[in-house]
Amino acid sequence: MAVSGEAGTGPGADAHCTSCGRPAADCAGCARTLDPPHYCATCGTRLAVRVSPGGWVGRCKHHGEVARS
C-alpha cells in the first residue's frame, strides 16, 4: 500500500498517467494539480475515489489504497 508521499518508489512506479490512465510516455501531462487521481499510477486501473472536505482517498482494486491527501 503506497501513500502519495511514496510515489515514484519501486519498479514500474508512475508508469501511467493518473488523470487519463494512458502510459506516462504517451501522455502529454493532462493531470491538473488540484484534482484527485482517477487512475492508478502503477497499473492504469480506474480508481474508486472518495472526496471529502479534508482531502481525498483513492483505492485501486489491485494495489489497495494508492493515494491520500
Protein backbone atom coordinates (compact mmCIF):
# COMPACT_ATOMS: atom_id res chain seq x y z
CA MET A 1 0.00 0.00 0.00
CA ALA A 2 1.64 3.24 -1.16
CA VAL A 3 0.70 6.67 0.06
CA SER A 4 1.09 9.70 -2.21
CA GLY A 5 4.30 10.69 -0.41
CA GLU A 6 5.82 7.37 -1.51
CA ALA A 7 5.03 7.83 -5.21
CA GLY A 8 7.88 7.01 -7.53
CA THR A 9 9.21 4.11 -5.46
CA GLY A 10 9.62 0.55 -6.65
CA PRO A 11 9.70 -0.96 -10.11
CA GLY A 12 7.08 0.35 -12.53
CA ALA A 13 6.03 3.20 -10.24
CA ASP A 14 4.25 6.05 -12.02
CA ALA A 15 4.06 4.08 -15.25
CA HIS A 16 0.60 5.53 -16.06
CA CYS A 17 -0.96 8.99 -16.05
CA THR A 18 -3.23 9.40 -13.01
CA SER A 19 -5.63 11.60 -14.97
CA CYS A 20 -6.27 9.60 -18.17
CA GLY A 21 -4.79 6.13 -17.43
CA ARG A 22 -2.57 6.04 -20.53
CA PRO A 23 1.10 5.04 -20.23
CA ALA A 24 3.09 8.01 -18.88
CA ALA A 25 5.26 8.07 -22.02
CA ASP A 26 2.14 8.57 -24.20
CA CYS A 27 0.55 11.32 -22.09
CA ALA A 28 1.44 14.99 -22.55
CA GLY A 29 0.72 15.80 -18.89
CA CYS A 30 -3.05 16.21 -18.77
CA ALA A 31 -3.27 15.94 -14.95
CA ARG A 32 -4.28 19.10 -13.11
CA THR A 33 -2.59 19.91 -9.79
CA LEU A 34 -5.63 20.05 -7.51
CA ASP A 35 -7.62 17.14 -8.99
CA PRO A 36 -7.53 13.76 -7.25
CA PRO A 37 -6.15 10.89 -9.33
CA HIS A 38 -8.66 8.92 -11.43
CA TYR A 39 -6.34 6.07 -12.44
CA CYS A 40 -3.69 4.04 -10.60
CA ALA A 41 -0.17 5.29 -11.43
CA THR A 42 1.18 1.73 -11.24
CA CYS A 43 -1.27 -0.25 -13.38
CA GLY A 44 -3.62 2.30 -15.03
CA THR A 45 -6.79 0.81 -13.49
CA ARG A 46 -9.67 3.19 -12.73
CA LEU A 47 -9.67 4.21 -9.04
CA ALA A 48 -12.57 4.43 -6.64
CA VAL A 49 -12.03 7.95 -5.27
CA ARG A 50 -13.76 9.38 -2.22
CA VAL A 51 -13.54 13.16 -1.87
CA SER A 52 -14.16 14.91 1.45
CA PRO A 53 -13.58 18.47 2.73
CA GLY A 54 -10.28 17.32 4.26
CA GLY A 55 -8.87 15.73 1.09
CA TRP A 56 -9.38 12.53 -0.90
CA VAL A 57 -8.67 8.81 -0.79
CA GLY A 58 -8.11 6.73 -3.93
CA ARG A 59 -8.34 2.93 -3.98
CA CYS A 60 -7.13 0.55 -6.70
CA LYS A 61 -8.71 -2.91 -6.84
CA HIS A 62 -5.24 -4.41 -7.47
CA HIS A 63 -2.99 -2.26 -5.25
CA GLY A 64 -5.31 -1.12 -2.47
CA GLU A 65 -5.05 2.44 -1.19
CA VAL A 66 -2.72 4.30 -3.52
CA ALA A 67 -3.22 7.98 -2.70
CA ARG A 68 -4.25 10.13 0.19
CA SER A 69 -4.22 13.87 0.67
